Amino acid sequence: MRTRAYRRHQVKRCLDNRKNDFYSGDSRKSLKRHITTPTACSCWMCGNPRRYLNELTLQEHRSLLNLKESLN
């Protein structure tokens, strides 16, 4: 099990990596929230494309291609 110091180090490392990302808010608290949940919202541009645009996942694309190839 990791120590508290290790977890704090990981949060600090992620803060340094993502401090220049676009996120909503100026406080350190909102930046920490951005670390755990990088997407700011779940609109149709940021959210799951399968939910909003009815697109297939990569696994579904592959299975359909395999099915088409096996039928030929």
Protein backbone atom coordinates (compact mmCIF):
# COMPACT_ATOMS: atom_id res chain seq x y z
CA MET A 1 0.00 0.00 0.00
CA ARG A 2 1.31 3.43 -0.91
CA THR A 3 2.00 6.07 1.68
CA ARG A 4 0.39 9.45 1.98
CA ALA A 5 3.63 11.09 0.90
CA TYR A 6 3.60 9.08 -2.34
CA ARG A 7 0.00 10.07 -3.09
CA ARG A 8 0.83 13.73 -2.39
CA HIS A 9 3.82 13.44 -4.71
CA GLN A 10 1.61 12.04 -7.48
CA VAL A 11 -0.91 14.87 -7.07
CA LYS A 12 1.87 17.46 -7.21
CA ARG A 13 3.33 15.78 -10.30
CA CYS A 14 -0.05 15.82 -12.04
CA LEU A 15 -0.60 19.45 -11.01
CA ASP A 16 2.69 20.39 -12.63
CA ASN A 17 1.84 18.44 -15.79
CA ARG A 18 -1.66 19.84 -16.23
CA LYS A 19 -1.32 23.39 -14.97
CA ASN A 20 -1.35 24.71 -18.55
CA ASP A 21 -4.41 22.71 -19.62
CA PHE A 22 -7.67 24.47 -20.26
CA TYR A 23 -10.01 23.97 -17.35
CA SER A 24 -12.84 25.99 -15.85
CA GLY A 25 -11.72 27.78 -12.73
CA ASP A 26 -8.77 29.61 -11.32
CA SER A 27 -8.41 28.09 -7.88
CA ARG A 28 -6.13 25.26 -6.84
CA LYS A 29 -9.19 23.29 -5.76
CA SER A 30 -10.65 23.36 -9.26
CA LEU A 31 -7.26 22.39 -10.69
CA LYS A 32 -7.16 19.36 -8.38
CA ARG A 33 -10.66 18.45 -9.56
CA HIS A 34 -9.40 18.73 -13.13
CA ILE A 35 -6.69 16.18 -12.31
CA THR A 36 -9.18 13.55 -11.20
CA THR A 37 -11.77 14.34 -13.88
CA PRO A 38 -10.01 15.94 -16.88
CA THR A 39 -13.17 16.69 -18.85
CA ALA A 40 -14.92 19.80 -17.66
CA CYS A 41 -18.37 18.77 -18.82
CA SER A 42 -20.27 16.06 -20.63
CA CYS A 43 -21.65 18.05 -23.54
CA TRP A 44 -21.76 16.46 -27.00
CA MET A 45 -18.27 17.77 -27.80
CA CYS A 46 -16.59 16.59 -24.58
CA GLY A 47 -18.72 13.60 -23.66
CA ASN A 48 -19.01 10.05 -24.85
CA PRO A 49 -19.36 10.03 -28.67
CA ARG A 50 -21.34 6.81 -28.56
CA ARG A 51 -23.96 8.45 -26.41
CA TYR A 52 -24.37 11.66 -28.35
CA LEU A 53 -23.33 10.85 -31.92
CA ASN A 54 -24.34 7.16 -32.04
CA GLU A 55 -20.85 6.16 -33.14
CA LEU A 56 -19.50 2.65 -32.72
CA THR A 57 -16.60 1.83 -30.45
CA LEU A 58 -13.29 0.58 -31.85
CA GLN A 59 -14.07 -2.92 -30.66
CA GLU A 60 -17.40 -2.86 -32.52
CA HIS A 61 -15.69 -1.56 -35.67
CA ARG A 62 -13.17 -4.39 -35.50
CA SER A 63 -15.82 -7.04 -34.98
CA LEU A 64 -17.82 -5.75 -37.95
CA LEU A 65 -14.71 -5.78 -40.13
CA ASN A 66 -13.93 -9.34 -39.04
CA LEU A 67 -17.49 -10.37 -39.80
CA LYS A 68 -17.35 -8.80 -43.27
CA GLU A 69 -14.01 -10.46 -44.02
CA SER A 70 -15.21 -13.85 -42.87
CA LEU A 71 -18.27 -13.62 -45.12
CA ASN A 72 -16.15 -12.95 -48.22
